[in-house]
């Protein structure tokens, strides 16, 4: 079955890890969105375009349809990208921790039999 053993343990641990890191992830998301609004206001973009751009930048997708042209807004873009990479790093760390715990539990259960 799909949701048994190692998979279920992974999802439980991953969910717990996300729950524990949620305040940091939310704070980073809010800072990303607010910085995006600052960039958008200085660049003359709509609020939606600013929000869209900030999260495309934070995820390092960078479609290129919108881009800052002023020195200050380019600096904020770098900051947004660093925050986005930090969020990605946290999510990866939570996932690695969850799979490590799930594999350890699986190995421990196998030694008991």
N, C-alpha and C. Protein backbone atom coordinates (compact mmCIF):
# COMPACT_ATOMS: atom_id res chain seq x y z
N UNK A 1 0.84 -1.19 0.00
CA UNK A 1 0.00 0.00 0.00
C UNK A 1 0.87 1.24 0.00
N UNK A 2 0.41 2.28 -0.65
CA UNK A 2 1.19 3.51 -0.82
C UNK A 2 1.48 4.20 0.51
N UNK A 3 0.47 4.37 1.35
CA UNK A 3 0.65 5.09 2.61
C UNK A 3 0.87 4.14 3.77
N UNK A 4 1.95 3.39 3.70
CA UNK A 4 2.28 2.51 4.80
C UNK A 4 3.78 2.55 5.06
N UNK A 5 4.18 2.11 6.21
CA UNK A 5 5.58 1.97 6.54
C UNK A 5 6.39 3.24 6.38
N UNK A 6 7.40 3.13 5.54
CA UNK A 6 8.35 4.21 5.37
C UNK A 6 7.70 5.48 4.81
N UNK A 7 6.74 5.33 3.90
CA UNK A 7 6.08 6.50 3.29
C UNK A 7 5.28 7.27 4.33
N UNK A 8 4.51 6.55 5.13
CA UNK A 8 3.70 7.20 6.17
C UNK A 8 4.59 7.89 7.20
N UNK A 9 5.67 7.23 7.60
CA UNK A 9 6.59 7.83 8.55
C UNK A 9 7.21 9.10 7.97
N UNK A 10 7.60 9.03 6.69
CA UNK A 10 8.16 10.22 6.04
C UNK A 10 7.16 11.37 6.07
N UNK A 11 5.91 11.12 5.66
CA UNK A 11 4.92 12.20 5.62
C UNK A 11 4.63 12.77 7.00
N UNK A 12 4.60 11.91 8.02
CA UNK A 12 4.40 12.40 9.38
C UNK A 12 5.56 13.30 9.82
N UNK A 13 6.77 12.85 9.58
CA UNK A 13 7.94 13.64 9.98
C UNK A 13 8.07 14.91 9.15
N UNK A 14 7.75 14.83 7.87
CA UNK A 14 7.80 16.01 7.01
C UNK A 14 6.77 17.04 7.46
N UNK A 15 5.57 16.58 7.75
CA UNK A 15 4.52 17.48 8.24
C UNK A 15 4.91 18.14 9.55
N UNK A 16 5.52 17.38 10.45
CA UNK A 16 5.97 17.93 11.72
C UNK A 16 7.06 18.97 11.49
N UNK A 17 7.98 18.66 10.60
CA UNK A 17 9.06 19.60 10.29
C UNK A 17 8.53 20.89 9.68
N UNK A 18 7.57 20.77 8.79
CA UNK A 18 6.96 21.97 8.19
C UNK A 18 6.25 22.78 9.28
N UNK A 19 5.52 22.08 10.15
CA UNK A 19 4.81 22.76 11.23
C UNK A 19 5.79 23.54 12.12
N UNK A 20 6.94 22.93 12.42
CA UNK A 20 7.91 23.57 13.30
C UNK A 20 8.62 24.74 12.63
N UNK A 21 8.81 24.67 11.32
CA UNK A 21 9.51 25.75 10.61
C UNK A 21 8.54 26.76 9.99
N UNK A 22 7.25 26.53 10.14
CA UNK A 22 6.25 27.41 9.52
C UNK A 22 6.40 28.89 9.90
N UNK A 23 6.69 29.21 11.17
CA UNK A 23 6.86 30.65 11.48
C UNK A 23 7.97 31.31 10.65
N UNK A 24 9.07 30.62 10.46
CA UNK A 24 10.18 31.16 9.67
C UNK A 24 9.77 31.26 8.21
N UNK A 25 9.13 30.22 7.68
CA UNK A 25 8.71 30.23 6.28
C UNK A 25 7.70 31.33 6.01
N UNK A 26 6.77 31.51 6.92
CA UNK A 26 5.77 32.57 6.76
C UNK A 26 6.44 33.94 6.83
N UNK A 27 7.35 34.11 7.78
CA UNK A 27 8.05 35.40 7.90
C UNK A 27 8.84 35.70 6.63
N UNK A 28 9.55 34.72 6.11
CA UNK A 28 10.29 34.92 4.86
C UNK A 28 9.33 35.26 3.72
N UNK A 29 8.20 34.56 3.65
CA UNK A 29 7.22 34.82 2.60
C UNK A 29 6.67 36.23 2.68
N UNK A 30 6.40 36.70 3.89
CA UNK A 30 5.90 38.06 4.06
C UNK A 30 6.95 39.10 3.67
N UNK A 31 8.19 38.87 4.06
CA UNK A 31 9.26 39.80 3.68
C UNK A 31 9.44 39.82 2.17
N UNK A 32 9.38 38.64 1.55
CA UNK A 32 9.49 38.55 0.09
C UNK A 32 8.37 39.35 -0.58
N UNK A 33 7.14 39.14 -0.10
CA UNK A 33 6.00 39.85 -0.68
C UNK A 33 6.11 41.36 -0.47
N UNK A 34 6.50 41.78 0.73
CA UNK A 34 6.63 43.22 1.00
C UNK A 34 7.74 43.86 0.17
N UNK A 35 8.87 43.19 0.09
CA UNK A 35 9.96 43.71 -0.75
C UNK A 35 9.53 43.77 -2.21
N UNK A 36 8.78 42.79 -2.65
CA UNK A 36 8.26 42.79 -4.01
C UNK A 36 7.35 43.98 -4.27
N UNK A 37 6.56 44.34 -3.27
CA UNK A 37 5.68 45.51 -3.41
C UNK A 37 6.49 46.79 -3.48
N UNK A 38 7.57 46.86 -2.71
CA UNK A 38 8.44 48.04 -2.78
C UNK A 38 9.06 48.16 -4.16
N UNK A 39 9.58 47.04 -4.66
CA UNK A 39 10.18 47.04 -6.00
C UNK A 39 9.14 47.44 -7.04
N UNK A 40 7.96 46.84 -6.95
CA UNK A 40 6.90 47.12 -7.91
C UNK A 40 6.47 48.58 -7.90
N UNK A 41 6.38 49.16 -6.72
CA UNK A 41 5.99 50.57 -6.63
C UNK A 41 7.04 51.47 -7.29
N UNK A 42 8.31 51.16 -7.03
CA UNK A 42 9.39 51.97 -7.61
C UNK A 42 9.52 51.76 -9.12
N UNK A 43 9.13 50.58 -9.59
CA UNK A 43 9.22 50.27 -11.02
C UNK A 43 7.94 50.61 -11.79
N UNK A 44 6.86 50.92 -11.05
CA UNK A 44 5.60 51.28 -11.70
C UNK A 44 4.76 50.08 -12.11
N UNK A 45 4.92 48.96 -11.41
CA UNK A 45 4.14 47.75 -11.71
C UNK A 45 2.87 47.72 -10.87
N UNK A 46 1.91 46.90 -11.30
CA UNK A 46 0.69 46.71 -10.51
C UNK A 46 1.03 45.88 -9.27
N UNK A 47 0.13 45.88 -8.31
CA UNK A 47 0.34 45.08 -7.09
C UNK A 47 0.45 43.60 -7.42
N UNK A 48 -0.43 43.13 -8.31
CA UNK A 48 -0.37 41.72 -8.68
C UNK A 48 0.95 41.39 -9.37
N UNK A 49 1.36 42.22 -10.33
CA UNK A 49 2.63 41.98 -11.02
C UNK A 49 3.79 41.99 -10.04
N UNK A 50 3.74 42.85 -9.05
CA UNK A 50 4.80 42.92 -8.04
C UNK A 50 4.85 41.64 -7.20
N UNK A 51 3.67 41.17 -6.80
CA UNK A 51 3.58 39.93 -6.03
C UNK A 51 4.08 38.75 -6.87
N UNK A 52 3.60 38.67 -8.09
CA UNK A 52 4.02 37.62 -9.02
C UNK A 52 5.53 37.64 -9.21
N UNK A 53 6.08 38.82 -9.50
CA UNK A 53 7.51 38.94 -9.74
C UNK A 53 8.33 38.52 -8.53
N UNK A 54 7.89 38.92 -7.33
CA UNK A 54 8.67 38.62 -6.13
C UNK A 54 8.77 37.11 -5.90
N UNK A 55 7.71 36.37 -6.16
CA UNK A 55 7.78 34.93 -5.92
C UNK A 55 8.42 34.18 -7.08
N UNK A 56 8.35 34.71 -8.29
CA UNK A 56 9.11 34.13 -9.40
C UNK A 56 10.60 34.34 -9.13
N UNK A 57 10.95 35.48 -8.59
CA UNK A 57 12.34 35.76 -8.25
C UNK A 57 12.80 34.91 -7.05
N UNK A 58 11.95 34.80 -6.03
CA UNK A 58 12.30 34.04 -4.83
C UNK A 58 12.52 32.56 -5.13
N UNK A 59 11.76 32.03 -6.08
CA UNK A 59 11.92 30.62 -6.43
C UNK A 59 13.02 30.43 -7.47
N UNK A 60 13.67 31.50 -7.85
CA UNK A 60 14.75 31.54 -8.85
C UNK A 60 14.30 31.02 -10.21
N UNK A 61 13.01 31.09 -10.49
CA UNK A 61 12.50 30.72 -11.82
C UNK A 61 12.91 31.81 -12.80
N UNK A 62 12.59 33.05 -12.48
CA UNK A 62 13.01 34.19 -13.26
C UNK A 62 12.62 34.14 -14.73
N UNK A 63 11.35 34.26 -15.02
CA UNK A 63 10.88 34.22 -16.40
C UNK A 63 11.44 35.35 -17.25
N UNK A 64 11.72 36.49 -16.65
CA UNK A 64 12.27 37.62 -17.39
C UNK A 64 11.24 38.56 -17.97
N UNK A 65 9.96 38.26 -17.77
CA UNK A 65 8.93 39.14 -18.30
C UNK A 65 8.89 40.48 -17.55
N UNK A 66 9.23 40.46 -16.28
CA UNK A 66 9.38 41.68 -15.48
C UNK A 66 10.77 41.65 -14.88
N UNK A 67 11.42 42.79 -14.86
CA UNK A 67 12.73 42.87 -14.21
C UNK A 67 12.99 44.31 -13.77
N UNK A 68 13.65 44.44 -12.63
CA UNK A 68 13.93 45.78 -12.14
C UNK A 68 14.98 46.48 -13.00
N UNK A 69 14.85 47.79 -13.09
CA UNK A 69 15.79 48.55 -13.92
C UNK A 69 16.63 49.54 -13.10
N UNK A 70 16.25 49.74 -11.85
CA UNK A 70 16.95 50.70 -11.00
C UNK A 70 17.91 49.99 -10.05
N UNK A 71 18.98 50.67 -9.67
CA UNK A 71 19.99 50.05 -8.82
C UNK A 71 19.40 49.55 -7.50
N UNK A 72 18.60 50.37 -6.82
CA UNK A 72 18.01 49.98 -5.54
C UNK A 72 17.09 48.78 -5.65
N UNK A 73 16.30 48.76 -6.69
CA UNK A 73 15.36 47.64 -6.85
C UNK A 73 16.10 46.36 -7.25
N UNK A 74 17.22 46.51 -7.94
CA UNK A 74 18.04 45.34 -8.26
C UNK A 74 18.65 44.74 -6.99
N UNK A 75 19.03 45.61 -6.06
CA UNK A 75 19.56 45.14 -4.77
C UNK A 75 18.47 44.39 -3.98
N UNK A 76 17.26 44.93 -4.01
CA UNK A 76 16.16 44.22 -3.35
C UNK A 76 15.88 42.89 -4.03
N UNK A 77 16.05 42.83 -5.34
CA UNK A 77 15.86 41.56 -6.06
C UNK A 77 16.86 40.52 -5.57
N UNK A 78 18.09 40.93 -5.33
CA UNK A 78 19.09 40.00 -4.80
C UNK A 78 18.69 39.51 -3.41
N UNK A 79 18.20 40.42 -2.59
CA UNK A 79 17.75 40.05 -1.25
C UNK A 79 16.58 39.07 -1.31
N UNK A 80 15.63 39.32 -2.20
CA UNK A 80 14.48 38.42 -2.38
C UNK A 80 14.97 37.04 -2.81
N UNK A 81 15.91 37.00 -3.74
CA UNK A 81 16.43 35.71 -4.20
C UNK A 81 17.13 34.97 -3.07
N UNK A 82 17.88 35.67 -2.23
CA UNK A 82 18.55 35.02 -1.09
C UNK A 82 17.54 34.47 -0.09
N UNK A 83 16.49 35.24 0.17
CA UNK A 83 15.44 34.73 1.06
C UNK A 83 14.75 33.51 0.46
N UNK A 84 14.51 33.56 -0.83
CA UNK A 84 13.88 32.42 -1.50
C UNK A 84 14.75 31.17 -1.44
N UNK A 85 16.05 31.35 -1.65
CA UNK A 85 16.95 30.19 -1.56
C UNK A 85 17.02 29.66 -0.13
N UNK A 86 16.90 30.55 0.85
CA UNK A 86 16.87 30.12 2.25
C UNK A 86 15.62 29.29 2.52
N UNK A 87 14.48 29.71 1.99
CA UNK A 87 13.25 28.93 2.15
C UNK A 87 13.39 27.56 1.51
N UNK A 88 13.96 27.53 0.32
CA UNK A 88 14.18 26.26 -0.37
C UNK A 88 15.11 25.37 0.45
N UNK A 89 16.15 25.95 1.00
CA UNK A 89 17.08 25.19 1.84
C UNK A 89 16.40 24.61 3.06
N UNK A 90 15.53 25.39 3.69
CA UNK A 90 14.79 24.90 4.85
C UNK A 90 13.90 23.72 4.46
N UNK A 91 13.18 23.85 3.35
CA UNK A 91 12.31 22.76 2.89
C UNK A 91 13.10 21.50 2.57
N UNK A 92 14.25 21.66 1.94
CA UNK A 92 15.09 20.50 1.63
C UNK A 92 15.61 19.87 2.91
N UNK A 93 16.05 20.69 3.86
CA UNK A 93 16.54 20.17 5.13
C UNK A 93 15.45 19.40 5.87
N UNK A 94 14.24 19.92 5.87
CA UNK A 94 13.11 19.23 6.51
C UNK A 94 12.86 17.89 5.82
N UNK A 95 12.90 17.88 4.49
CA UNK A 95 12.69 16.63 3.75
C UNK A 95 13.79 15.61 4.00
N UNK A 96 15.03 16.04 4.03
CA UNK A 96 16.15 15.12 4.30
C UNK A 96 16.04 14.57 5.72
N UNK A 97 15.70 15.44 6.66
CA UNK A 97 15.54 14.98 8.05
C UNK A 97 14.41 13.95 8.14
N UNK A 98 13.30 14.23 7.47
CA UNK A 98 12.15 13.32 7.51
C UNK A 98 12.50 11.96 6.91
N UNK A 99 13.17 11.94 5.77
CA UNK A 99 13.50 10.66 5.15
C UNK A 99 14.55 9.92 5.96
N UNK A 100 15.47 10.65 6.61
CA UNK A 100 16.46 10.01 7.48
C UNK A 100 15.78 9.31 8.65
N UNK A 101 14.82 9.99 9.28
CA UNK A 101 14.08 9.39 10.38
C UNK A 101 13.24 8.20 9.92
N UNK A 102 12.62 8.33 8.75
CA UNK A 102 11.79 7.25 8.22
C UNK A 102 12.65 6.02 7.91
N UNK A 103 13.81 6.23 7.31
CA UNK A 103 14.70 5.10 7.01
C UNK A 103 15.24 4.46 8.27
N UNK A 104 15.58 5.28 9.28
CA UNK A 104 16.06 4.74 10.55
C UNK A 104 14.99 3.91 11.23
N UNK A 105 13.75 4.40 11.21
CA UNK A 105 12.64 3.64 11.80
C UNK A 105 12.41 2.33 11.05
N UNK A 106 12.52 2.39 9.73
CA UNK A 106 12.36 1.20 8.91
C UNK A 106 13.45 0.17 9.20
N UNK A 107 14.70 0.65 9.31
CA UNK A 107 15.82 -0.23 9.63
C UNK A 107 15.67 -0.83 11.02
N UNK A 108 15.23 -0.04 11.98
CA UNK A 108 15.05 -0.53 13.36
C UNK A 108 13.94 -1.57 13.40
N UNK A 109 12.87 -1.36 12.65
CA UNK A 109 11.77 -2.32 12.61
C UNK A 109 12.23 -3.62 11.95
N UNK A 110 13.09 -3.53 10.96
CA UNK A 110 13.60 -4.72 10.28
C UNK A 110 14.51 -5.54 11.15
N UNK A 111 15.23 -4.92 12.06
CA UNK A 111 16.15 -5.63 12.97
C UNK A 111 15.40 -6.36 14.06
N UNK A 112 14.16 -5.92 14.34
CA UNK A 112 13.36 -6.56 15.38
C UNK A 112 12.79 -7.89 14.89
N UNK A 113 12.67 -8.06 13.59
CA UNK A 113 12.06 -9.29 13.06
C UNK A 113 13.08 -10.32 12.74
